[in-house]
Amino acid sequence: MEKTRLGRTGLLVTRSAFGALPIQRLSKEDAVPLLRRAYDSGINFYDTARLYTDSEEKIGAALSDVRKTIIISSKFKAATGEQMRASLAISLKNLGTDYIDIYQLHNPDRVFYPGEDNGVYDALLEAKKEGLIRFIGMTNHRLHVALETINSGLYDTVQYPLNYLSAEAELNLPQKCAESDIGMLIMKALSGGIITNAAASFAFLRQYPNAVPLWGIQKMSELEDFISWEKNPPVLNEKLLQAIKEDRDELGGVFCRGCGYCLPCAANIDIPFAARMSHLIRRSPLPTYLNEAWRDKMELITQCTDCGHCRKNCPYGLDSPALLRSALEDYRDYYRRFQEGDLK
């Protein structure tokens, strides 16, 4: 597989990396063969996080015996250096390794610096000296935090959502990373499932030679697509460009990216899915969401008290309650029409 140098880390990583958030939804029996097939195909980079429930454990179960031949990045949430060290210890145990190649702050609302009272960055430096981590990274959904991270010169990698629905200022991030020799990692390459043309996304992001998409994979068929595209990369031709234009025309503007930082919801609303439902029901086979189980989940929106938690924690500044109310109205209409046989 084609590889690229990940900025000043010097790590040579496959340009298609394995994003391991979705494997938390799989059983261990299903996740291990998937990860092993990725490894056997040549993929050498695996991104996970302490918050992805048992994702780290599944990577450890599948790949600990080939640890020296792969690159692992993980993430942590911590307010103090002591919390960071505790989280790191658990991640190392879960992964079945004695070091993590890239250890990333998991979407904090600001950049951490050396010498701060919380001790987070200083603890990272100490862990690096001890050989427990090799490089320090930052993940974020806020453009101003990503830019400050790059300008600080303190971080080896930046992970940020990027796809063909992104704003122009966001699409400049790979070049800014290249100029500072910082590794650029891409999350949400399919915008949390809203983009259904994975080939178009693959071809679009391949324009950025220093940027590495972390493809969220949970099915063998999805993995096989990426393996085949590495052998024969889709070309950004007129057909794919037209598909991208149509998606931009339909989806550009205000929409939920499905990042999940709005959770937990006091009313148990599955906000990352519910807020995107108007798009999902138009981009998926109809029975996927137009069923009793999802109808009951969507009706939970009526229990929203507008407590403000989701609105406060949305990194994109969305009015989530308003999106939810609109999505519910749309969903009810589609559900009724589907039940009456008007939709096929």
C-alpha atoms as a PDB file:
ATOM      1  CA  MET A   1       0.000   0.000   0.000  1.00  0.00           C
ATOM      2  CA  GLU A   2       1.070   3.569  -0.666  1.00  0.00           C
ATOM      3  CA  LYS A   3       2.539   5.295   2.368  1.00  0.00           C
ATOM      4  CA  THR A   4       3.198   8.893   3.367  1.00  0.00           C
ATOM      5  CA  ARG A   5       5.487  10.546   5.895  1.00  0.00           C
ATOM      6  CA  LEU A   6       3.446  11.770   8.876  1.00  0.00           C
ATOM      7  CA  GLY A   7       5.082  15.147   9.334  1.00  0.00           C
ATOM      8  CA  ARG A   8       8.016  15.500  11.706  1.00  0.00           C
ATOM      9  CA  THR A   9       7.188  12.190  13.388  1.00  0.00           C
ATOM     10  CA  GLY A  10       8.948  10.588  10.442  1.00  0.00           C
ATOM     11  CA  LEU A  11       6.474   7.708  10.651  1.00  0.00           C
ATOM     12  CA  LEU A  12       5.643   6.131   7.302  1.00  0.00           C
ATOM     13  CA  VAL A  13       1.942   5.325   7.453  1.00  0.00           C
ATOM     14  CA  THR A  14      -0.428   3.874   4.902  1.00  0.00           C
ATOM     15  CA  ARG A  15      -2.491   6.584   3.286  1.00  0.00           C
ATOM     16  CA  SER A  16      -5.591   4.624   4.224  1.00  0.00           C
ATOM     17  CA  ALA A  17      -5.645   4.178   8.000  1.00  0.00           C
ATOM     18  CA  PHE A  18      -8.054   2.165  10.136  1.00  0.00           C
ATOM     19  CA  GLY A  19     -10.357   4.290  12.298  1.00  0.00           C
ATOM     20  CA  ALA A  20     -11.373   1.986  15.141  1.00  0.00           C
ATOM     21  CA  LEU A  21     -14.348   3.826  16.634  1.00  0.00           C
ATOM     22  CA  PRO A  22     -16.940   1.608  14.851  1.00  0.00           C
ATOM     23  CA  ILE A  23     -15.478  -1.712  16.028  1.00  0.00           C
ATOM     24  CA  GLN A  24     -16.807  -1.011  19.520  1.00  0.00           C
ATOM     25  CA  ARG A  25     -20.181  -1.975  18.008  1.00  0.00           C
ATOM     26  CA  LEU A  26     -18.868  -5.399  16.966  1.00  0.00           C
ATOM     27  CA  SER A  27     -18.348  -8.520  19.000  1.00  0.00           C
ATOM     28  CA  LYS A  28     -14.750  -9.482  19.644  1.00  0.00           C
ATOM     29  CA  GLU A  29     -15.271 -12.503  17.401  1.00  0.00           C
ATOM     30  CA  ASP A  30     -16.189 -10.208  14.498  1.00  0.00           C
ATOM     31  CA  ALA A  31     -13.722  -7.399  15.229  1.00  0.00           C
ATOM     32  CA  VAL A  32     -10.559  -9.505  15.401  1.00  0.00           C
ATOM     33  CA  PRO A  33     -10.833 -10.990  11.864  1.00  0.00           C
ATOM     34  CA  LEU A  34     -11.659  -7.533  10.491  1.00  0.00           C
ATOM     35  CA  LEU A  35      -8.557  -6.000  12.068  1.00  0.00           C
ATOM     36  CA  ARG A  36      -6.426  -8.929  10.992  1.00  0.00           C
ATOM     37  CA  ARG A  37      -7.625  -8.642   7.404  1.00  0.00           C
ATOM     38  CA  ALA A  38      -6.700  -4.950   7.475  1.00  0.00           C
ATOM     39  CA  TYR A  39      -3.214  -5.854   8.695  1.00  0.00           C
ATOM     40  CA  ASP A  40      -2.783  -8.638   6.140  1.00  0.00           C
ATOM     41  CA  SER A  41      -3.798  -6.205   3.377  1.00  0.00           C
ATOM     42  CA  GLY A  42      -0.951  -3.871   4.360  1.00  0.00           C
ATOM     43  CA  ILE A  43      -2.691  -1.235   6.498  1.00  0.00           C
ATOM     44  CA  ASN A  44      -0.192  -0.301   9.225  1.00  0.00           C
ATOM     45  CA  PHE A  45      -1.931   2.568  11.076  1.00  0.00           C
ATOM     46  CA  TYR A  46      -4.745   2.118  13.641  1.00  0.00           C
ATOM     47  CA  ASP A  47      -6.455   4.971  15.481  1.00  0.00           C
ATOM     48  CA  THR A  48      -8.517   4.412  18.619  1.00  0.00           C
ATOM     49  CA  ALA A  49      -9.358   6.140  21.913  1.00  0.00           C
ATOM     50  CA  ARG A  50      -9.811   5.410  25.583  1.00  0.00           C
ATOM     51  CA  LEU A  51     -13.444   6.554  25.243  1.00  0.00           C
ATOM     52  CA  TYR A  52     -14.234   4.071  22.458  1.00  0.00           C
ATOM     53  CA  THR A  53     -15.317   1.490  25.069  1.00  0.00           C
ATOM     54  CA  ASP A  54     -13.530  -1.782  24.179  1.00  0.00           C
ATOM     55  CA  SER A  55     -11.968  -0.664  20.872  1.00  0.00           C
ATOM     56  CA  GLU A  56      -8.454  -0.667  22.342  1.00  0.00           C
ATOM     57  CA  GLU A  57      -8.916  -4.165  23.754  1.00  0.00           C
ATOM     58  CA  LYS A  58      -9.991  -5.496  20.365  1.00  0.00           C
ATOM     59  CA  ILE A  59      -6.931  -3.991  18.689  1.00  0.00           C
ATOM     60  CA  GLY A  60      -4.778  -5.589  21.366  1.00  0.00           C
ATOM     61  CA  ALA A  61      -6.425  -8.963  20.852  1.00  0.00           C
ATOM     62  CA  ALA A  62      -6.001  -8.814  17.091  1.00  0.00           C
ATOM     63  CA  LEU A  63      -2.629  -7.167  16.629  1.00  0.00           C
ATOM     64  CA  SER A  64      -0.482  -7.361  19.778  1.00  0.00           C
ATOM     65  CA  ASP A  65       1.629 -10.137  18.226  1.00  0.00           C
ATOM     66  CA  VAL A  66       2.594  -7.834  15.326  1.00  0.00           C
ATOM     67  CA  ARG A  67       2.929  -4.694  17.448  1.00  0.00           C
ATOM     68  CA  LYS A  68       6.393  -3.733  16.179  1.00  0.00           C
ATOM     69  CA  THR A  69       5.158  -3.583  12.582  1.00  0.00           C
ATOM     70  CA  ILE A  70       2.158  -1.297  13.128  1.00  0.00           C
ATOM     71  CA  ILE A  71       1.528   2.261  14.297  1.00  0.00           C
ATOM     72  CA  ILE A  72      -1.101   2.945  16.950  1.00  0.00           C
ATOM     73  CA  SER A  73      -2.622   6.261  17.951  1.00  0.00           C
ATOM     74  CA  SER A  74      -4.988   6.639  20.869  1.00  0.00           C
ATOM     75  CA  LYS A  75      -6.651   9.511  22.722  1.00  0.00           C
ATOM     76  CA  PHE A  76      -7.373  10.573  26.273  1.00  0.00           C
ATOM     77  CA  LYS A  77      -9.614  12.945  28.187  1.00  0.00           C
ATOM     78  CA  ALA A  78      -7.970  14.431  31.275  1.00  0.00           C
ATOM     79  CA  ALA A  79      -8.026  17.633  33.311  1.00  0.00           C
ATOM     80  CA  THR A  80      -4.774  16.886  35.182  1.00  0.00           C
ATOM     81  CA  GLY A  81      -1.479  15.196  34.600  1.00  0.00           C
ATOM     82  CA  GLU A  82      -2.407  12.492  37.107  1.00  0.00           C
ATOM     83  CA  GLN A  83      -5.580  11.699  35.171  1.00  0.00           C
ATOM     84  CA  MET A  84      -3.591  11.503  31.952  1.00  0.00           C
ATOM     85  CA  ARG A  85      -1.138   9.006  33.490  1.00  0.00           C
ATOM     86  CA  ALA A  86      -4.011   6.862  34.781  1.00  0.00           C
ATOM     87  CA  SER A  87      -5.704   6.845  31.384  1.00  0.00           C
ATOM     88  CA  LEU A  88      -2.431   6.004  29.640  1.00  0.00           C
ATOM     89  CA  ALA A  89      -1.842   3.032  31.929  1.00  0.00           C
ATOM     90  CA  ILE A  90      -5.261   1.610  31.070  1.00  0.00           C
ATOM     91  CA  SER A  91      -4.748   2.152  27.335  1.00  0.00           C
ATOM     92  CA  LEU A  92      -1.371   0.408  27.396  1.00  0.00           C
ATOM     93  CA  LYS A  93      -2.909  -2.580  29.159  1.00  0.00           C
ATOM     94  CA  ASN A  94      -5.885  -2.699  26.794  1.00  0.00           C
ATOM     95  CA  LEU A  95      -3.682  -2.537  23.720  1.00  0.00           C
ATOM     96  CA  GLY A  96      -1.257  -5.165  25.005  1.00  0.00           C
ATOM     97  CA  THR A  97       1.733  -2.899  24.425  1.00  0.00           C
ATOM     98  CA  ASP A  98       4.323  -0.942  26.379  1.00  0.00           C
ATOM     99  CA  TYR A  99       4.137   2.197  24.219  1.00  0.00           C
ATOM    100  CA  ILE A 100       1.709   4.200  22.085  1.00  0.00           C
ATOM    101  CA  ASP A 101       3.086   5.829  18.959  1.00  0.00           C
ATOM    102  CA  ILE A 102       0.840   8.928  18.986  1.00  0.00           C
ATOM    103  CA  TYR A 103      -1.017   9.916  22.152  1.00  0.00           C
ATOM    104  CA  GLN A 104      -3.614  12.603  21.511  1.00  0.00           C
ATOM    105  CA  LEU A 105      -5.654  14.973  23.649  1.00  0.00           C
ATOM    106  CA  HIS A 106      -9.256  14.095  22.846  1.00  0.00           C
ATOM    107  CA  ASN A 107     -11.105  17.207  21.629  1.00  0.00           C
ATOM    108  CA  PRO A 108     -10.361  19.639  24.478  1.00  0.00           C
ATOM    109  CA  ASP A 109     -11.837  23.133  24.210  1.00  0.00           C
ATOM    110  CA  ARG A 110      -8.388  24.717  24.257  1.00  0.00           C
ATOM    111  CA  VAL A 111      -4.698  24.031  23.651  1.00  0.00           C
ATOM    112  CA  PHE A 112      -2.625  22.736  26.585  1.00  0.00           C
ATOM    113  CA  TYR A 113       0.821  24.257  27.190  1.00  0.00           C
ATOM    114  CA  PRO A 114       3.895  23.368  29.267  1.00  0.00           C
ATOM    115  CA  GLY A 115       4.086  24.820  32.765  1.00  0.00           C
ATOM    116  CA  GLU A 116       0.329  25.021  33.381  1.00  0.00           C
ATOM    117  CA  ASP A 117      -0.987  24.191  36.830  1.00  0.00           C
ATOM    118  CA  ASN A 118      -3.001  21.233  35.521  1.00  0.00           C
ATOM    119  CA  GLY A 119       0.253  19.534  34.504  1.00  0.00           C
ATOM    120  CA  VAL A 120      -1.247  17.743  31.486  1.00  0.00           C
ATOM    121  CA  TYR A 121       1.335  18.729  28.880  1.00  0.00           C
ATOM    122  CA  ASP A 122       4.232  18.309  31.295  1.00  0.00           C
ATOM    123  CA  ALA A 123       2.972  14.813  32.117  1.00  0.00           C
ATOM    124  CA  LEU A 124       2.905  14.033  28.402  1.00  0.00           C
ATOM    125  CA  LEU A 125       6.529  15.127  28.083  1.00  0.00           C
ATOM    126  CA  GLU A 126       7.461  12.925  31.040  1.00  0.00           C
ATOM    127  CA  ALA A 127       5.673   9.938  29.511  1.00  0.00           C
ATOM    128  CA  LYS A 128       7.561  10.594  26.284  1.00  0.00           C
ATOM    129  CA  LYS A 129      10.894  10.610  28.126  1.00  0.00           C
ATOM    130  CA  GLU A 130       9.947   7.296  29.715  1.00  0.00           C
ATOM    131  CA  GLY A 131       9.218   5.775  26.310  1.00  0.00           C
ATOM    132  CA  LEU A 132       5.522   5.228  27.059  1.00  0.00           C
ATOM    133  CA  ILE A 133       4.512   7.454  24.143  1.00  0.00           C
ATOM    134  CA  ARG A 134       6.500   8.519  21.090  1.00  0.00           C
ATOM    135  CA  PHE A 135       4.645  11.592  19.866  1.00  0.00           C
ATOM    136  CA  ILE A 136       2.030  14.052  21.155  1.00  0.00           C
ATOM    137  CA  GLY A 137      -1.076  14.893  19.161  1.00  0.00           C
ATOM    138  CA  MET A 138      -4.283  16.891  19.374  1.00  0.00           C
ATOM    139  CA  THR A 139      -7.746  16.028  18.055  1.00  0.00           C
ATOM    140  CA  ASN A 140     -10.385  18.701  17.703  1.00  0.00           C
ATOM    141  CA  HIS A 141     -13.618  19.769  16.039  1.00  0.00           C
ATOM    142  CA  ARG A 142     -12.956  23.498  16.486  1.00  0.00           C
ATOM    143  CA  LEU A 143     -11.022  25.191  13.708  1.00  0.00           C
ATOM    144  CA  HIS A 144      -9.532  27.883  15.957  1.00  0.00           C
ATOM    145  CA  VAL A 145      -8.168  25.233  18.350  1.00  0.00           C
ATOM    146  CA  ALA A 146      -6.693  23.246  15.455  1.00  0.00           C
ATOM    147  CA  LEU A 147      -4.988  26.379  14.106  1.00  0.00           C
ATOM    148  CA  GLU A 148      -3.627  27.310  17.532  1.00  0.00           C
ATOM    149  CA  THR A 149      -2.323  23.766  17.905  1.00  0.00           C
ATOM    150  CA  ILE A 150      -0.426  24.054  14.629  1.00  0.00           C
ATOM    151  CA  ASN A 151       0.946  27.499  15.481  1.00  0.00           C
ATOM    152  CA  SER A 152       2.044  26.434  18.975  1.00  0.00           C
ATOM    153  CA  GLY A 153       4.717  24.111  17.616  1.00  0.00           C
ATOM    154  CA  LEU A 154       4.092  21.806  20.607  1.00  0.00           C
ATOM    155  CA  TYR A 155       2.191  19.024  18.871  1.00  0.00           C
ATOM    156  CA  ASP A 156       3.386  16.458  16.353  1.00  0.00           C
ATOM    157  CA  THR A 157      -0.012  15.702  14.814  1.00  0.00           C
ATOM    158  CA  VAL A 158      -3.425  17.316  14.426  1.00  0.00           C
ATOM    159  CA  GLN A 159      -6.597  15.305  13.860  1.00  0.00           C
ATOM    160  CA  TYR A 160      -9.556  17.210  12.428  1.00  0.00           C
ATOM    161  CA  PRO A 161     -12.828  16.451  10.538  1.00  0.00           C
ATOM    162  CA  LEU A 162     -12.265  16.947   6.828  1.00  0.00           C
ATOM    163  CA  ASN A 163     -14.254  15.967   3.742  1.00  0.00           C
ATOM    164  CA  TYR A 164     -15.677  17.514   0.602  1.00  0.00           C
ATOM    165  CA  LEU A 165     -18.425  19.203   2.621  1.00  0.00           C
ATOM    166  CA  SER A 166     -15.863  21.138   4.664  1.00  0.00           C
ATOM    167  CA  ALA A 167     -15.511  24.903   4.453  1.00  0.00           C
ATOM    168  CA  GLU A 168     -12.632  26.403   2.490  1.00  0.00           C
ATOM    169  CA  ALA A 169     -10.835  27.517   5.663  1.00  0.00           C
ATOM    170  CA  GLU A 170     -10.893  23.912   6.901  1.00  0.00           C
ATOM    171  CA  LEU A 171      -9.625  22.573   3.591  1.00  0.00           C
ATOM    172  CA  ASN A 172      -6.538  24.763   4.045  1.00  0.00           C
ATOM    173  CA  LEU A 173      -5.474  22.751   7.121  1.00  0.00           C
ATOM    174  CA  PRO A 174      -3.428  20.103   5.246  1.00  0.00           C
ATOM    175  CA  GLN A 175      -1.304  22.823   3.658  1.00  0.00           C
ATOM    176  CA  LYS A 176      -0.828  24.584   7.000  1.00  0.00           C
ATOM    177  CA  CYS A 177       0.265  21.286   8.545  1.00  0.00           C
ATOM    178  CA  ALA A 178       2.671  20.669   5.662  1.00  0.00           C
ATOM    179  CA  GLU A 179       4.218  24.112   6.118  1.00  0.00           C
ATOM    180  CA  SER A 180       4.813  23.374   9.826  1.00  0.00           C
ATOM    181  CA  ASP A 181       5.803  19.733   9.183  1.00  0.00           C
ATOM    182  CA  ILE A 182       2.968  18.500  11.419  1.00  0.00           C
ATOM    183  CA  GLY A 183       1.179  15.242  10.700  1.00  0.00           C
ATOM    184  CA  MET A 184      -2.380  15.742   9.431  1.00  0.00           C
ATOM    185  CA  LEU A 185      -4.936  13.088  10.429  1.00  0.00           C
ATOM    186  CA  ILE A 186      -8.448  13.226   9.020  1.00  0.00           C
ATOM    187  CA  MET A 187     -11.539  12.082  10.899  1.00  0.00           C
ATOM    188  CA  LYS A 188     -15.144  12.161   9.661  1.00  0.00           C
ATOM    189  CA  ALA A 189     -14.037  11.607   6.067  1.00  0.00           C
ATOM    190  CA  LEU A 190     -17.621  10.505   5.358  1.00  0.00           C
ATOM    191  CA  SER A 191     -19.099  13.203   7.622  1.00  0.00           C
ATOM    192  CA  GLY A 192     -20.390  10.685  10.125  1.00  0.00           C
ATOM    193  CA  GLY A 193     -22.213   8.646   7.461  1.00  0.00           C
ATOM    194  CA  ILE A 194     -23.920  11.547   5.695  1.00  0.00           C
ATOM    195  CA  ILE A 195     -21.593  11.110   2.699  1.00  0.00           C
ATOM    196  CA  THR A 196     -22.578   7.851   1.031  1.00  0.00           C
ATOM    197  CA  ASN A 197     -20.249   8.061  -1.968  1.00  0.00           C
ATOM    198  CA  ALA A 198     -17.094   6.724  -0.323  1.00  0.00           C
ATOM    199  CA  ALA A 199     -15.260   6.510  -3.655  1.00  0.00           C
ATOM    200  CA  ALA A 200     -15.778  10.241  -4.219  1.00  0.00           C
ATOM    201  CA  SER A 201     -14.528  11.011  -0.719  1.00  0.00           C
ATOM    202  CA  PHE A 202     -11.495   8.762  -1.225  1.00  0.00           C
ATOM    203  CA  ALA A 203     -10.602  10.491  -4.498  1.00  0.00           C
ATOM    204  CA  PHE A 204     -11.199  13.963  -3.055  1.00  0.00           C
ATOM    205  CA  LEU A 205      -8.986  13.452  -0.006  1.00  0.00           C
ATOM    206  CA  ARG A 206      -6.253  11.795  -2.070  1.00  0.00           C
ATOM    207  CA  GLN A 207      -5.548  15.306  -3.394  1.00  0.00           C
ATOM    208  CA  TYR A 208      -3.809  16.051  -0.076  1.00  0.00           C
ATOM    209  CA  PRO A 209      -0.585  13.969  -0.076  1.00  0.00           C
ATOM    210  CA  ASN A 210       0.293  14.703   3.574  1.00  0.00           C
ATOM    211  CA  ALA A 211      -3.182  14.029   5.009  1.00  0.00           C
ATOM    212  CA  VAL A 212      -4.163  10.575   6.293  1.00  0.00           C
ATOM    213  CA  PRO A 213      -7.868   9.671   6.458  1.00  0.00           C
ATOM    214  CA  LEU A 214      -8.835   7.417   9.364  1.00  0.00           C
ATOM    215  CA  TRP A 215     -11.610   5.451   7.705  1.00  0.00           C
ATOM    216  CA  GLY A 216     -14.192   4.260  10.227  1.00  0.00           C
ATOM    217  CA  ILE A 217     -14.633   0.597   9.320  1.00  0.00           C
ATOM    218  CA  GLN A 218     -16.972  -1.968  10.849  1.00  0.00           C
ATOM    219  CA  LYS A 219     -17.807  -4.272   7.923  1.00  0.00           C
ATOM    220  CA  MET A 220     -15.567  -6.530   5.882  1.00  0.00           C
ATOM    221  CA  SER A 221     -17.195  -5.214   2.700  1.00  0.00           C
ATOM    222  CA  GLU A 222     -16.222  -1.655   3.651  1.00  0.00           C
ATOM    223  CA  LEU A 223     -12.646  -2.744   4.279  1.00  0.00           C
ATOM    224  CA  GLU A 224     -12.479  -4.562   0.947  1.00  0.00           C
ATOM    225  CA  ASP A 225     -13.568  -1.369  -0.825  1.00  0.00           C
ATOM    226  CA  PHE A 226     -10.659   0.576   0.649  1.00  0.00           C
ATOM    227  CA  ILE A 227      -8.227  -2.232  -0.119  1.00  0.00           C
ATOM    228  CA  SER A 228      -9.376  -2.279  -3.752  1.00  0.00           C
ATOM    229  CA  TRP A 229      -9.156   1.511  -4.017  1.00  0.00           C
ATOM    230  CA  GLU A 230      -5.585   1.433  -2.732  1.00  0.00           C
ATOM    231  CA  LYS A 231      -4.764  -0.889  -5.622  1.00  0.00           C
ATOM    232  CA  ASN A 232      -6.758   1.134  -8.163  1.00  0.00           C
ATOM    233  CA  PRO A 233      -7.461   4.614  -6.732  1.00  0.00           C
ATOM    234  CA  PRO A 234     -10.678   6.263  -7.968  1.00  0.00           C
ATOM    235  CA  VAL A 235      -9.959   9.216 -10.230  1.00  0.00           C
ATOM    236  CA  LEU A 236     -11.573  12.551  -9.438  1.00  0.00           C
ATOM    237  CA  ASN A 237     -13.274  12.679 -12.852  1.00  0.00           C
ATOM    238  CA  GLU A 238     -16.334  14.569 -14.044  1.00  0.00           C
ATOM    239  CA  LYS A 239     -18.691  11.902 -12.695  1.00  0.00           C
ATOM    240  CA  LEU A 240     -17.292  12.092  -9.162  1.00  0.00           C
ATOM    241  CA  LEU A 241     -17.000  15.866  -9.278  1.00  0.00           C
ATOM    242  CA  GLN A 242     -20.690  16.066 -10.213  1.00  0.00           C
ATOM    243  CA  ALA A 243     -21.577  13.752  -7.299  1.00  0.00           C
ATOM    244  CA  ILE A 244     -19.607  16.003  -4.961  1.00  0.00           C
ATOM    245  CA  LYS A 245     -21.350  19.095  -6.303  1.00  0.00           C
ATOM    246  CA  GLU A 246     -24.771  17.521  -5.761  1.00  0.00           C
ATOM    247  CA  ASP A 247     -23.884  16.601  -2.178  1.00  0.00           C
ATOM    248  CA  ARG A 248     -22.579  20.089  -1.493  1.00  0.00           C
ATOM    249  CA  ASP A 249     -25.729  21.647  -2.934  1.00  0.00           C
ATOM    250  CA  GLU A 250     -27.937  19.416  -0.778  1.00  0.00           C
ATOM    251  CA  LEU A 251     -25.906  19.327   2.440  1.00  0.00           C
ATOM    252  CA  GLY A 252     -23.925  22.530   2.528  1.00  0.00           C
ATOM    253  CA  GLY A 253     -24.603  24.745   5.500  1.00  0.00           C
ATOM    254  CA  VAL A 254     -26.055  23.803   8.862  1.00  0.00           C
ATOM    255  CA  PHE A 255     -26.073  20.072   9.563  1.00  0.00           C
ATOM    256  CA  CYS A 256     -25.030  17.736  12.356  1.00  0.00           C
ATOM    257  CA  ARG A 257     -21.668  16.012  11.816  1.00  0.00           C
ATOM    258  CA  GLY A 258     -22.473  13.202  14.274  1.00  0.00           C
ATOM    259  CA  CYS A 259     -19.452  13.797  16.523  1.00  0.00           C
ATOM    260  CA  GLY A 260     -21.394  12.906  19.682  1.00  0.00           C
ATOM    261  CA  TYR A 261     -20.051  15.614  21.979  1.00  0.00           C
ATOM    262  CA  CYS A 262     -23.651  16.667  22.670  1.00  0.00           C
ATOM    263  CA  LEU A 263     -24.149  13.484  24.714  1.00  0.00           C
ATOM    264  CA  PRO A 264     -25.285  12.357  27.182  1.00  0.00           C
ATOM    265  CA  CYS A 265     -28.842  13.581  26.711  1.00  0.00           C
ATOM    266  CA  ALA A 266     -31.055  13.828  29.796  1.00  0.00           C
ATOM    267  CA  ALA A 267     -34.005  12.605  27.706  1.00  0.00           C
ATOM    268  CA  ASN A 268     -31.973   9.709  26.249  1.00  0.00           C
ATOM    269  CA  ILE A 269     -32.289  11.102  22.730  1.00  0.00           C
ATOM    270  CA  ASP A 270     -29.707   9.673  20.330  1.00  0.00           C
ATOM    271  CA  ILE A 271     -28.834  13.179  19.149  1.00  0.00           C
ATOM    272  CA  PRO A 272     -26.022  12.340  16.660  1.00  0.00           C
ATOM    273  CA  PHE A 273     -28.438  10.172  14.673  1.00  0.00           C
ATOM    274  CA  ALA A 274     -31.721  11.936  15.394  1.00  0.00           C
ATOM    275  CA  ALA A 275     -30.426  15.380  14.380  1.00  0.00           C
ATOM    276  CA  ARG A 276     -29.248  13.940  11.042  1.00  0.00           C
ATOM    277  CA  MET A 277     -32.337  11.850  10.389  1.00  0.00           C
ATOM    278  CA  SER A 278     -33.664  14.032   7.583  1.00  0.00           C
ATOM    279  CA  HIS A 279     -30.508  13.226   5.615  1.00  0.00           C
ATOM    280  CA  LEU A 280     -30.220   9.603   6.724  1.00  0.00           C
ATOM    281  CA  ILE A 281     -33.735   8.611   5.640  1.00  0.00           C
ATOM    282  CA  ARG A 282     -33.009  10.005   2.172  1.00  0.00           C
ATOM    283  CA  ARG A 283     -29.601   8.347   1.860  1.00  0.00           C
ATOM    284  CA  SER A 284     -30.209   4.855   3.244  1.00  0.00           C
ATOM    285  CA  PRO A 285     -32.492   1.958   2.329  1.00  0.00           C
ATOM    286  CA  LEU A 286     -35.903   2.973   3.669  1.00  0.00           C
ATOM    287  CA  PRO A 287     -36.336   0.104   6.182  1.00  0.00           C
ATOM    288  CA  THR A 288     -33.063   1.049   7.901  1.00  0.00           C
ATOM    289  CA  TYR A 289     -34.649   3.931   9.812  1.00  0.00           C
ATOM    290  CA  LEU A 290     -38.358   3.817   8.959  1.00  0.00           C
ATOM    291  CA  ASN A 291     -39.199   1.122  11.486  1.00  0.00           C
ATOM    292  CA  GLU A 292     -40.818   0.894  14.920  1.00  0.00           C
ATOM    293  CA  ALA A 293     -37.533   0.870  16.836  1.00  0.00           C
ATOM    294  CA  TRP A 294     -36.347   4.117  15.266  1.00  0.00           C
ATOM    295  CA  ARG A 295     -39.808   5.647  15.443  1.00  0.00           C
ATOM    296  CA  ASP A 296     -39.784   5.159  19.210  1.00  0.00           C
ATOM    297  CA  LYS A 297     -36.279   6.671  19.428  1.00  0.00           C
ATOM    298  CA  MET A 298     -37.304   9.689  17.388  1.00  0.00           C
ATOM    299  CA  GLU A 299     -40.427  10.262  19.508  1.00  0.00           C
ATOM    300  CA  LEU A 300     -38.128  10.769  22.510  1.00  0.00           C
ATOM    301  CA  ILE A 301     -37.489  14.197  20.999  1.00  0.00           C
ATOM    302  CA  THR A 302     -40.866  15.235  22.435  1.00  0.00           C
ATOM    303  CA  GLN A 303     -39.300  14.751  25.898  1.00  0.00           C
ATOM    304  CA  CYS A 304     -36.597  17.376  25.239  1.00  0.00           C
ATOM    305  CA  THR A 305     -36.646  20.046  27.953  1.00  0.00           C
ATOM    306  CA  ASP A 306     -34.196  22.324  26.102  1.00  0.00           C
ATOM    307  CA  CYS A 307     -31.766  22.049  29.026  1.00  0.00           C
ATOM    308  CA  GLY A 308     -29.014  23.502  26.847  1.00  0.00           C
ATOM    309  CA  HIS A 309     -26.447  20.720  27.324  1.00  0.00           C
ATOM    310  CA  CYS A 310     -26.311  19.704  23.657  1.00  0.00           C
ATOM    311  CA  ARG A 311     -26.256  23.290  22.433  1.00  0.00           C
ATOM    312  CA  LYS A 312     -23.452  24.213  24.855  1.00  0.00           C
ATOM    313  CA  ASN A 313     -21.297  21.235  23.938  1.00  0.00           C
ATOM    314  CA  CYS A 314     -21.712  21.287  20.156  1.00  0.00           C
ATOM    315  CA  PRO A 315     -18.302  22.246  18.690  1.00  0.00           C
ATOM    316  CA  TYR A 316     -20.063  23.577  15.587  1.00  0.00           C
ATOM    317  CA  GLY A 317     -22.381  25.903  17.498  1.00  0.00           C
ATOM    318  CA  LEU A 318     -25.562  24.229  16.244  1.00  0.00           C
ATOM    319  CA  ASP A 319     -28.974  24.774  17.775  1.00  0.00           C
ATOM    320  CA  SER A 320     -29.441  21.044  18.342  1.00  0.00           C
ATOM    321  CA  PRO A 321     -32.946  21.211  19.862  1.00  0.00           C
ATOM    322  CA  ALA A 322     -34.176  23.100  16.804  1.00  0.00           C
ATOM    323  CA  LEU A 323     -32.544  20.536  14.507  1.00  0.00           C
ATOM    324  CA  LEU A 324     -34.167  17.723  16.476  1.00  0.00           C
ATOM    325  CA  ARG A 325     -37.646  19.250  16.277  1.00  0.00           C
ATOM    326  CA  SER A 326     -37.309  19.745  12.529  1.00  0.00           C
ATOM    327  CA  ALA A 327     -35.967  16.200  12.078  1.00  0.00           C
ATOM    328  CA  LEU A 328     -38.880  14.725  14.031  1.00  0.00           C
ATOM    329  CA  GLU A 329     -41.454  16.525  11.897  1.00  0.00           C
ATOM    330  CA  ASP A 330     -39.712  15.314   8.736  1.00  0.00           C
ATOM    331  CA  TYR A 331     -39.375  11.773  10.105  1.00  0.00           C
ATOM    332  CA  ARG A 332     -43.062  11.525  11.007  1.00  0.00           C
ATOM    333  CA  ASP A 333     -44.014  12.508   7.467  1.00  0.00           C
ATOM    334  CA  TYR A 334     -41.658   9.966   5.910  1.00  0.00           C
ATOM    335  CA  TYR A 335     -42.748   7.224   8.343  1.00  0.00           C
ATOM    336  CA  ARG A 336     -46.428   7.815   7.573  1.00  0.00           C
ATOM    337  CA  ARG A 337     -45.834   7.759   3.822  1.00  0.00           C
ATOM    338  CA  PHE A 338     -43.719   4.614   4.094  1.00  0.00           C
ATOM    339  CA  GLN A 339     -46.424   2.834   6.089  1.00  0.00           C
ATOM    340  CA  GLU A 340     -49.054   3.876   3.551  1.00  0.00           C
ATOM    341  CA  GLY A 341     -46.936   2.568   0.692  1.00  0.00           C
ATOM    342  CA  ASP A 342     -46.230   5.961  -0.879  1.00  0.00           C
ATOM    343  CA  LEU A 343     -42.465   5.457  -0.570  1.00  0.00           C
ATOM    344  CA  LYS A 344     -40.624   2.613  -2.289  1.00  0.00           C
END
